[in-house]
All heavy atoms as atom14 arrays in JSON, in Angstrom:
{
  "sequence": "DFAKRDLRWCLGNLQYLKLLDLPDLKPMSRFQLVWAILMFLGL",
  "atom14_mask": [
    [1, 1, 1, 1, 1, 1, 1, 1, 0, 0, 0, 0, 0, 0],
    [1, 1, 1, 1, 1, 1, 1, 1, 1, 1, 1, 0, 0, 0],
    [1, 1, 1, 1, 1, 0, 0, 0, 0, 0, 0, 0, 0, 0],
    [1, 1, 1, 1, 1, 1, 1, 1, 1, 0, 0, 0, 0, 0],
    [1, 1, 1, 1, 1, 1, 1, 1, 1, 1, 1, 0, 0, 0],
    [1, 1, 1, 1, 1, 1, 1, 1, 0, 0, 0, 0, 0, 0],
    [1, 1, 1, 1, 1, 1, 1, 1, 0, 0, 0, 0, 0, 0],
    [1, 1, 1, 1, 1, 1, 1, 1, 1, 1, 1, 0, 0, 0],
    [1, 1, 1, 1, 1, 1, 1, 1, 1, 1, 1, 1, 1, 1],
    [1, 1, 1, 1, 1, 1, 0, 0, 0, 0, 0, 0, 0, 0],
    [1, 1, 1, 1, 1, 1, 1, 1, 0, 0, 0, 0, 0, 0],
    [1, 1, 1, 1, 0, 0, 0, 0, 0, 0, 0, 0, 0, 0],
    [1, 1, 1, 1, 1, 1, 1, 1, 0, 0, 0, 0, 0, 0],
    [1, 1, 1, 1, 1, 1, 1, 1, 0, 0, 0, 0, 0, 0],
    [1, 1, 1, 1, 1, 1, 1, 1, 1, 0, 0, 0, 0, 0],
    [1, 1, 1, 1, 1, 1, 1, 1, 1, 1, 1, 1, 0, 0],
    [1, 1, 1, 1, 1, 1, 1, 1, 0, 0, 0, 0, 0, 0],
    [1, 1, 1, 1, 1, 1, 1, 1, 1, 0, 0, 0, 0, 0],
    [1, 1, 1, 1, 1, 1, 1, 1, 0, 0, 0, 0, 0, 0],
    [1, 1, 1, 1, 1, 1, 1, 1, 0, 0, 0, 0, 0, 0],
    [1, 1, 1, 1, 1, 1, 1, 1, 0, 0, 0, 0, 0, 0],
    [1, 1, 1, 1, 1, 1, 1, 1, 0, 0, 0, 0, 0, 0],
    [1, 1, 1, 1, 1, 1, 1, 0, 0, 0, 0, 0, 0, 0],
    [1, 1, 1, 1, 1, 1, 1, 1, 0, 0, 0, 0, 0, 0],
    [1, 1, 1, 1, 1, 1, 1, 1, 0, 0, 0, 0, 0, 0],
    [1, 1, 1, 1, 1, 1, 1, 1, 1, 0, 0, 0, 0, 0],
    [1, 1, 1, 1, 1, 1, 1, 0, 0, 0, 0, 0, 0, 0],
    [1, 1, 1, 1, 1, 1, 1, 1, 0, 0, 0, 0, 0, 0],
    [1, 1, 1, 1, 1, 1, 0, 0, 0, 0, 0, 0, 0, 0],
    [1, 1, 1, 1, 1, 1, 1, 1, 1, 1, 1, 0, 0, 0],
    [1, 1, 1, 1, 1, 1, 1, 1, 1, 1, 1, 0, 0, 0],
    [1, 1, 1, 1, 1, 1, 1, 1, 1, 0, 0, 0, 0, 0],
    [1, 1, 1, 1, 1, 1, 1, 1, 0, 0, 0, 0, 0, 0],
    [1, 1, 1, 1, 1, 1, 1, 0, 0, 0, 0, 0, 0, 0],
    [1, 1, 1, 1, 1, 1, 1, 1, 1, 1, 1, 1, 1, 1],
    [1, 1, 1, 1, 1, 0, 0, 0, 0, 0, 0, 0, 0, 0],
    [1, 1, 1, 1, 1, 1, 1, 1, 0, 0, 0, 0, 0, 0],
    [1, 1, 1, 1, 1, 1, 1, 1, 0, 0, 0, 0, 0, 0],
    [1, 1, 1, 1, 1, 1, 1, 1, 0, 0, 0, 0, 0, 0],
    [1, 1, 1, 1, 1, 1, 1, 1, 1, 1, 1, 0, 0, 0],
    [1, 1, 1, 1, 1, 1, 1, 1, 0, 0, 0, 0, 0, 0],
    [1, 1, 1, 1, 0, 0, 0, 0, 0, 0, 0, 0, 0, 0],
    [1, 1, 1, 1, 1, 1, 1, 1, 0, 0, 0, 0, 0, 0]
  ],
  "atom14_positions": [
    [[22.76, -40.37, -309.68], [22.54, -39.93, -311.06], [23.6, -40.51, -311.99], [23.29, -40.9, -313.12], [22.56, -38.4, -311.13], [21.37, -37.76, -310.46], [20.24, -38.04, -310.9], [21.55, -37.0, -309.51], [0.0, 0.0, 0.0], [0.0, 0.0, 0.0], [0.0, 0.0, 0.0], [0.0, 0.0, 0.0], [0.0, 0.0, 0.0], [0.0, 0.0, 0.0]],
    [[24.82, -40.59, -311.5], [25.88, -41.2, -312.29], [25.56, -42.66, -312.57], [25.72, -43.15, -313.7], [27.21, -41.08, -311.54], [28.35, -41.77, -312.22], [29.1, -41.11, -313.18], [28.69, -43.08, -311.9], [30.16, -41.75, -313.82], [29.74, -43.72, -312.53], [30.49, -43.05, -313.5], [0.0, 0.0, 0.0], [0.0, 0.0, 0.0], [0.0, 0.0, 0.0]],
    [[25.11, -43.38, -311.55], [24.79, -44.79, -311.72], [23.64, -44.98, -312.71], [23.66, -45.91, -313.52], [24.42, -45.4, -310.37], [0.0, 0.0, 0.0], [0.0, 0.0, 0.0], [0.0, 0.0, 0.0], [0.0, 0.0, 0.0], [0.0, 0.0, 0.0], [0.0, 0.0, 0.0], [0.0, 0.0, 0.0], [0.0, 0.0, 0.0], [0.0, 0.0, 0.0]],
    [[22.67, -44.09, -312.66], [21.54, -44.19, -313.59], [22.01, -44.08, -315.03], [21.6, -44.85, -315.91], [20.53, -43.07, -313.26], [19.13, -43.28, -313.81], [18.21, -42.14, -313.38], [18.12, -42.02, -311.88], [17.19, -40.94, -311.45], [0.0, 0.0, 0.0], [0.0, 0.0, 0.0], [0.0, 0.0, 0.0], [0.0, 0.0, 0.0], [0.0, 0.0, 0.0]],
    [[22.89, -43.13, -315.29], [23.44, -42.97, -316.65], [24.3, -44.17, -317.02], [24.25, -44.68, -318.15], [24.26, -41.68, -316.73], [24.78, -41.37, -318.12], [25.7, -40.16, -318.12], [26.99, -40.43, -317.49], [28.02, -39.58, -317.49], [27.9, -38.39, -318.06], [29.15, -39.9, -316.9], [0.0, 0.0, 0.0], [0.0, 0.0, 0.0], [0.0, 0.0, 0.0]],
    [[25.1, -44.63, -316.06], [26.01, -45.75, -316.32], [25.24, -47.03, -316.67], [25.66, -47.8, -317.54], [26.89, -45.97, -315.09], [28.27, -46.46, -315.45], [28.81, -45.98, -316.46], [28.82, -47.31, -314.73], [0.0, 0.0, 0.0], [0.0, 0.0, 0.0], [0.0, 0.0, 0.0], [0.0, 0.0, 0.0], [0.0, 0.0, 0.0], [0.0, 0.0, 0.0]],
    [[24.12, -47.24, -316.01], [23.33, -48.45, -316.28], [22.69, -48.39, -317.66], [22.53, -49.42, -318.32], [22.27, -48.64, -315.19], [22.8, -48.87, -313.77], [21.67, -49.11, -312.8], [23.8, -50.02, -313.74], [0.0, 0.0, 0.0], [0.0, 0.0, 0.0], [0.0, 0.0, 0.0], [0.0, 0.0, 0.0], [0.0, 0.0, 0.0], [0.0, 0.0, 0.0]],
    [[22.31, -47.19, -318.09], [21.79, -47.07, -319.46], [22.87, -47.41, -320.47], [22.63, -48.1, -321.45], [21.26, -45.65, -319.68], [20.5, -45.51, -321.0], [19.88, -44.13, -321.17], [20.89, -43.12, -321.43], [21.13, -42.07, -320.66], [20.45, -41.9, -319.54], [22.06, -41.18, -320.97], [0.0, 0.0, 0.0], [0.0, 0.0, 0.0], [0.0, 0.0, 0.0]],
    [[24.09, -46.95, -320.21], [25.21, -47.3, -321.09], [25.49, -48.79, -321.03], [25.81, -49.42, -322.05], [26.46, -46.52, -320.67], [26.41, -45.06, -320.97], [25.46, -44.4, -321.7], [27.35, -44.06, -320.55], [25.75, -43.06, -321.77], [26.9, -42.83, -321.08], [28.51, -44.1, -319.8], [27.58, -41.64, -320.86], [29.19, -42.92, -319.59], [28.73, -41.7, -320.1]],
    [[25.39, -49.37, -319.85], [25.63, -50.81, -319.69], [24.66, -51.6, -320.56], [25.07, -52.5, -321.31], [25.48, -51.2, -318.22], [25.57, -52.97, -317.91], [0.0, 0.0, 0.0], [0.0, 0.0, 0.0], [0.0, 0.0, 0.0], [0.0, 0.0, 0.0], [0.0, 0.0, 0.0], [0.0, 0.0, 0.0], [0.0, 0.0, 0.0], [0.0, 0.0, 0.0]],
    [[23.38, -51.28, -320.46], [22.39, -51.99, -321.28], [22.67, -51.79, -322.75], [22.62, -52.75, -323.55], [20.98, -51.5, -320.92], [19.84, -52.06, -321.79], [19.82, -53.58, -321.73], [18.5, -51.47, -321.35], [0.0, 0.0, 0.0], [0.0, 0.0, 0.0], [0.0, 0.0, 0.0], [0.0, 0.0, 0.0], [0.0, 0.0, 0.0], [0.0, 0.0, 0.0]],
    [[22.97, -50.56, -323.15], [23.25, -50.29, -324.56], [24.45, -51.07, -325.06], [24.42, -51.61, -326.17], [0.0, 0.0, 0.0], [0.0, 0.0, 0.0], [0.0, 0.0, 0.0], [0.0, 0.0, 0.0], [0.0, 0.0, 0.0], [0.0, 0.0, 0.0], [0.0, 0.0, 0.0], [0.0, 0.0, 0.0], [0.0, 0.0, 0.0], [0.0, 0.0, 0.0]],
    [[25.52, -51.15, -324.25], [26.7, -51.9, -324.68], [26.43, -53.4, -324.75], [26.94, -54.09, -325.63], [27.87, -51.62, -323.73], [28.5, -50.27, -323.98], [27.87, -49.37, -324.52], [29.74, -50.1, -323.57], [0.0, 0.0, 0.0], [0.0, 0.0, 0.0], [0.0, 0.0, 0.0], [0.0, 0.0, 0.0], [0.0, 0.0, 0.0], [0.0, 0.0, 0.0]],
    [[25.62, -53.92, -323.83], [25.29, -55.35, -323.88], [24.46, -55.69, -325.1], [24.48, -56.84, -325.58], [24.58, -55.77, -322.6], [25.42, -55.73, -321.33], [24.6, -56.13, -320.12], [26.64, -56.63, -321.45], [0.0, 0.0, 0.0], [0.0, 0.0, 0.0], [0.0, 0.0, 0.0], [0.0, 0.0, 0.0], [0.0, 0.0, 0.0], [0.0, 0.0, 0.0]],
    [[23.72, -54.72, -325.62], [22.97, -54.97, -326.86], [23.9, -55.27, -328.04], [23.47, -55.88, -329.02], [22.11, -53.75, -327.2], [20.89, -53.58, -326.31], [20.08, -52.36, -326.71], [20.59, -51.24, -326.8], [18.8, -52.56, -326.96], [0.0, 0.0, 0.0], [0.0, 0.0, 0.0], [0.0, 0.0, 0.0], [0.0, 0.0, 0.0], [0.0, 0.0, 0.0]],
    [[25.17, -54.87, -327.92], [26.12, -55.16, -328.99], [26.31, -56.66, -329.19], [26.8, -57.09, -330.24], [27.48, -54.52, -328.69], [27.49, -53.01, -328.65], [28.6, -52.32, -328.18], [26.39, -52.26, -329.06], [28.63, -50.93, -328.14], [26.41, -50.88, -329.01], [27.53, -50.22, -328.55], [27.55, -48.85, -328.5], [0.0, 0.0, 0.0], [0.0, 0.0, 0.0]],
    [[25.93, -57.46, -328.19], [26.01, -58.92, -328.35], [25.21, -59.38, -329.57], [25.55, -60.38, -330.2], [25.5, -59.61, -327.09], [26.4, -59.53, -325.85], [25.63, -59.91, -324.6], [27.63, -60.41, -326.02], [0.0, 0.0, 0.0], [0.0, 0.0, 0.0], [0.0, 0.0, 0.0], [0.0, 0.0, 0.0], [0.0, 0.0, 0.0], [0.0, 0.0, 0.0]],
    [[24.16, -58.64, -329.88], [23.31, -59.0, -331.02], [23.79, -58.36, -332.32], [23.14, -58.52, -333.36], [21.86, -58.59, -330.74], [21.24, -59.35, -329.57], [19.73, -59.15, -329.53], [19.11, -60.04, -328.46], [17.62, -60.02, -328.51], [0.0, 0.0, 0.0], [0.0, 0.0, 0.0], [0.0, 0.0, 0.0], [0.0, 0.0, 0.0], [0.0, 0.0, 0.0]],
    [[24.9, -57.63, -332.26], [25.4, -56.93, -333.45], [26.77, -57.44, -333.89], [27.32, -56.93, -334.87], [25.49, -55.42, -333.16], [24.16, -54.71, -332.91], [24.41, -53.32, -332.35], [23.34, -54.62, -334.19], [0.0, 0.0, 0.0], [0.0, 0.0, 0.0], [0.0, 0.0, 0.0], [0.0, 0.0, 0.0], [0.0, 0.0, 0.0], [0.0, 0.0, 0.0]],
    [[27.31, -58.4, -333.18], [28.66, -58.87, -333.5], [28.75, -59.56, -334.84], [29.84, -59.71, -335.41], [29.16, -59.82, -332.4], [29.37, -59.18, -331.02], [29.82, -60.21, -330.01], [30.38, -58.03, -331.11], [0.0, 0.0, 0.0], [0.0, 0.0, 0.0], [0.0, 0.0, 0.0], [0.0, 0.0, 0.0], [0.0, 0.0, 0.0], [0.0, 0.0, 0.0]],
    [[27.6, -60.01, -335.37], [27.62, -60.68, -336.67], [27.28, -59.74, -337.83], [26.99, -60.2, -338.93], [26.65, -61.86, -336.68], [25.2, -61.43, -336.41], [25.0, -60.27, -336.01], [24.29, -62.26, -336.58], [0.0, 0.0, 0.0], [0.0, 0.0, 0.0], [0.0, 0.0, 0.0], [0.0, 0.0, 0.0], [0.0, 0.0, 0.0], [0.0, 0.0, 0.0]],
    [[27.32, -58.41, -337.58], [27.09, -57.48, -338.68], [28.1, -57.76, -339.8], [29.3, -57.9, -339.53], [27.26, -56.03, -338.2], [26.1, -55.42, -337.42], [26.51, -54.05, -336.86], [24.86, -55.27, -338.29], [0.0, 0.0, 0.0], [0.0, 0.0, 0.0], [0.0, 0.0, 0.0], [0.0, 0.0, 0.0], [0.0, 0.0, 0.0], [0.0, 0.0, 0.0]],
    [[27.66, -57.85, -341.04], [28.58, -58.24, -342.11], [29.55, -57.12, -342.5], [29.24, -55.93, -342.36], [27.64, -58.57, -343.28], [26.41, -57.75, -343.03], [26.28, -57.69, -341.52], [0.0, 0.0, 0.0], [0.0, 0.0, 0.0], [0.0, 0.0, 0.0], [0.0, 0.0, 0.0], [0.0, 0.0, 0.0], [0.0, 0.0, 0.0], [0.0, 0.0, 0.0]],
    [[30.73, -57.53, -342.95], [31.71, -56.65, -343.6], [32.3, -55.58, -342.69], [32.85, -54.58, -343.17], [31.1, -55.97, -344.84], [30.58, -56.97, -345.85], [31.24, -58.01, -346.03], [29.52, -56.72, -346.45], [0.0, 0.0, 0.0], [0.0, 0.0, 0.0], [0.0, 0.0, 0.0], [0.0, 0.0, 0.0], [0.0, 0.0, 0.0], [0.0, 0.0, 0.0]],
    [[32.21, -55.76, -341.37], [32.87, -54.81, -340.48], [34.37, -55.0, -340.54], [34.87, -56.11, -340.73], [32.4, -54.99, -339.03], [30.96, -54.65, -338.69], [30.76, -54.8, -337.19], [30.59, -53.25, -339.14], [0.0, 0.0, 0.0], [0.0, 0.0, 0.0], [0.0, 0.0, 0.0], [0.0, 0.0, 0.0], [0.0, 0.0, 0.0], [0.0, 0.0, 0.0]],
    [[35.12, -53.91, -340.35], [36.56, -54.0, -340.23], [36.89, -54.77, -338.94], [36.17, -54.66, -337.94], [37.19, -52.61, -340.16], [36.98, -51.76, -341.41], [37.81, -52.29, -342.56], [37.64, -51.42, -343.81], [38.38, -51.96, -344.95], [0.0, 0.0, 0.0], [0.0, 0.0, 0.0], [0.0, 0.0, 0.0], [0.0, 0.0, 0.0], [0.0, 0.0, 0.0]],
    [[37.97, -55.56, -338.95], [38.33, -56.28, -337.71], [38.46, -55.34, -336.51], [38.04, -55.68, -335.4], [39.67, -56.92, -338.08], [39.62, -57.09, -339.56], [38.86, -55.9, -340.07], [0.0, 0.0, 0.0], [0.0, 0.0, 0.0], [0.0, 0.0, 0.0], [0.0, 0.0, 0.0], [0.0, 0.0, 0.0], [0.0, 0.0, 0.0], [0.0, 0.0, 0.0]],
    [[39.04, -54.16, -336.73], [39.19, -53.21, -335.65], [37.82, -52.75, -335.14], [37.62, -52.58, -333.92], [40.01, -52.01, -336.13], [40.32, -50.99, -335.06], [41.43, -51.65, -333.81], [41.28, -50.38, -332.57], [0.0, 0.0, 0.0], [0.0, 0.0, 0.0], [0.0, 0.0, 0.0], [0.0, 0.0, 0.0], [0.0, 0.0, 0.0], [0.0, 0.0, 0.0]],
    [[36.87, -52.56, -336.04], [35.53, -52.14, -335.64], [34.83, -53.23, -334.83], [34.16, -52.95, -333.82], [34.7, -51.79, -336.87], [35.25, -50.7, -337.57], [0.0, 0.0, 0.0], [0.0, 0.0, 0.0], [0.0, 0.0, 0.0], [0.0, 0.0, 0.0], [0.0, 0.0, 0.0], [0.0, 0.0, 0.0], [0.0, 0.0, 0.0], [0.0, 0.0, 0.0]],
    [[34.98, -54.48, -335.25], [34.36, -55.57, -334.5], [34.99, -55.69, -333.11], [34.31, -55.97, -332.12], [34.51, -56.88, -335.29], [33.37, -57.87, -335.03], [33.48, -59.11, -335.89], [33.38, -58.83, -337.31], [32.24, -58.68, -337.98], [31.09, -58.78, -337.32], [32.22, -58.45, -339.28], [0.0, 0.0, 0.0], [0.0, 0.0, 0.0], [0.0, 0.0, 0.0]],
    [[36.31, -55.47, -333.06], [36.99, -55.48, -331.76], [36.41, -54.41, -330.84], [36.22, -54.63, -329.63], [38.49, -55.26, -331.95], [39.22, -54.91, -330.68], [39.55, -55.89, -329.77], [39.55, -53.59, -330.39], [40.21, -55.57, -328.58], [40.2, -53.26, -329.22], [40.53, -54.26, -328.31], [0.0, 0.0, 0.0], [0.0, 0.0, 0.0], [0.0, 0.0, 0.0]],
    [[36.11, -53.23, -331.39], [35.57, -52.15, -330.57], [34.24, -52.53, -329.94], [33.96, -52.18, -328.79], [35.42, -50.88, -331.42], [36.75, -50.22, -331.76], [36.59, -49.08, -332.75], [35.79, -49.17, -333.7], [37.33, -48.02, -332.55], [0.0, 0.0, 0.0], [0.0, 0.0, 0.0], [0.0, 0.0, 0.0], [0.0, 0.0, 0.0], [0.0, 0.0, 0.0]],
    [[33.41, -53.25, -330.68], [32.13, -53.7, -330.12], [32.36, -54.71, -329.0], [31.72, -54.65, -327.94], [31.25, -54.31, -331.22], [30.81, -53.36, -332.34], [29.93, -54.1, -333.34], [30.06, -52.15, -331.79], [0.0, 0.0, 0.0], [0.0, 0.0, 0.0], [0.0, 0.0, 0.0], [0.0, 0.0, 0.0], [0.0, 0.0, 0.0], [0.0, 0.0, 0.0]],
    [[33.27, -55.66, -329.23], [33.59, -56.64, -328.2], [34.15, -55.95, -326.96], [33.79, -56.27, -325.82], [34.6, -57.68, -328.74], [35.08, -58.6, -327.61], [33.98, -58.5, -329.86], [0.0, 0.0, 0.0], [0.0, 0.0, 0.0], [0.0, 0.0, 0.0], [0.0, 0.0, 0.0], [0.0, 0.0, 0.0], [0.0, 0.0, 0.0], [0.0, 0.0, 0.0]],
    [[35.02, -54.98, -327.19], [35.65, -54.27, -326.08], [34.62, -53.49, -325.26], [34.71, -53.43, -324.03], [36.73, -53.35, -326.61], [37.74, -53.01, -325.57], [37.99, -51.8, -325.02], [38.64, -53.92, -324.92], [38.98, -51.88, -324.08], [39.4, -53.18, -324.0], [38.86, -55.29, -325.05], [40.36, -53.76, -323.2], [39.83, -55.87, -324.25], [40.57, -55.1, -323.35]],
    [[33.63, -52.9, -325.95], [32.58, -52.16, -325.24], [31.75, -53.1, -324.37], [31.31, -52.72, -323.28], [31.69, -51.45, -326.25], [0.0, 0.0, 0.0], [0.0, 0.0, 0.0], [0.0, 0.0, 0.0], [0.0, 0.0, 0.0], [0.0, 0.0, 0.0], [0.0, 0.0, 0.0], [0.0, 0.0, 0.0], [0.0, 0.0, 0.0], [0.0, 0.0, 0.0]],
    [[31.54, -54.33, -324.84], [30.83, -55.32, -324.04], [31.65, -55.71, -322.82], [31.15, -55.76, -321.69], [30.51, -56.56, -324.9], [29.55, -56.2, -326.04], [29.9, -57.67, -324.04], [29.42, -57.28, -327.09], [0.0, 0.0, 0.0], [0.0, 0.0, 0.0], [0.0, 0.0, 0.0], [0.0, 0.0, 0.0], [0.0, 0.0, 0.0], [0.0, 0.0, 0.0]],
    [[32.95, -55.97, -323.03], [33.82, -56.4, -321.93], [33.95, -55.32, -320.85], [34.18, -55.63, -319.69], [35.2, -56.75, -322.46], [35.36, -58.14, -323.09], [36.77, -58.31, -323.62], [35.03, -59.23, -322.08], [0.0, 0.0, 0.0], [0.0, 0.0, 0.0], [0.0, 0.0, 0.0], [0.0, 0.0, 0.0], [0.0, 0.0, 0.0], [0.0, 0.0, 0.0]],
    [[33.79, -54.06, -321.24], [33.9, -52.98, -320.27], [32.92, -53.19, -319.12], [33.23, -52.9, -317.96], [33.64, -51.63, -320.94], [33.71, -50.44, -320.0], [33.59, -48.86, -320.83], [31.87, -48.85, -321.32], [0.0, 0.0, 0.0], [0.0, 0.0, 0.0], [0.0, 0.0, 0.0], [0.0, 0.0, 0.0], [0.0, 0.0, 0.0], [0.0, 0.0, 0.0]],
    [[31.74, -53.71, -319.43], [30.74, -53.93, -318.38], [30.73, -55.36, -317.88], [30.44, -55.6, -316.7], [29.36, -53.5, -318.88], [29.2, -52.01, -318.95], [29.31, -51.33, -320.16], [28.97, -51.27, -317.81], [29.19, -49.95, -320.22], [28.84, -49.88, -317.86], [28.95, -49.23, -319.07], [0.0, 0.0, 0.0], [0.0, 0.0, 0.0], [0.0, 0.0, 0.0]],
    [[31.03, -56.35, -318.73], [31.1, -57.73, -318.25], [32.2, -57.9, -317.21], [32.12, -58.76, -316.34], [31.36, -58.69, -319.42], [30.18, -58.98, -320.35], [30.6, -59.98, -321.42], [28.98, -59.5, -319.57], [0.0, 0.0, 0.0], [0.0, 0.0, 0.0], [0.0, 0.0, 0.0], [0.0, 0.0, 0.0], [0.0, 0.0, 0.0], [0.0, 0.0, 0.0]],
    [[33.25, -57.08, -317.3], [34.34, -57.19, -316.34], [33.94, -56.78, -314.93], [34.56, -57.22, -313.95], [0.0, 0.0, 0.0], [0.0, 0.0, 0.0], [0.0, 0.0, 0.0], [0.0, 0.0, 0.0], [0.0, 0.0, 0.0], [0.0, 0.0, 0.0], [0.0, 0.0, 0.0], [0.0, 0.0, 0.0], [0.0, 0.0, 0.0], [0.0, 0.0, 0.0]],
    [[32.89, -55.94, -314.78], [32.52, -55.45, -313.45], [31.93, -56.54, -312.57], [32.34, -56.7, -311.41], [31.56, -54.27, -313.59], [32.16, -53.05, -314.32], [31.14, -51.92, -314.4], [33.43, -52.56, -313.62], [0.0, 0.0, 0.0], [0.0, 0.0, 0.0], [0.0, 0.0, 0.0], [0.0, 0.0, 0.0], [0.0, 0.0, 0.0], [0.0, 0.0, 0.0]]
  ]
}
């Protein structure tokens, strides 16, 4: 059950790849999206 939830989060975080070009984000906010992607790419 944990893995099932984790994989849903993984897919959701990888979707951020399509959101990195959102305009006018704060640098810290853009970093947070990148960091959320790396959390799963690192595995």
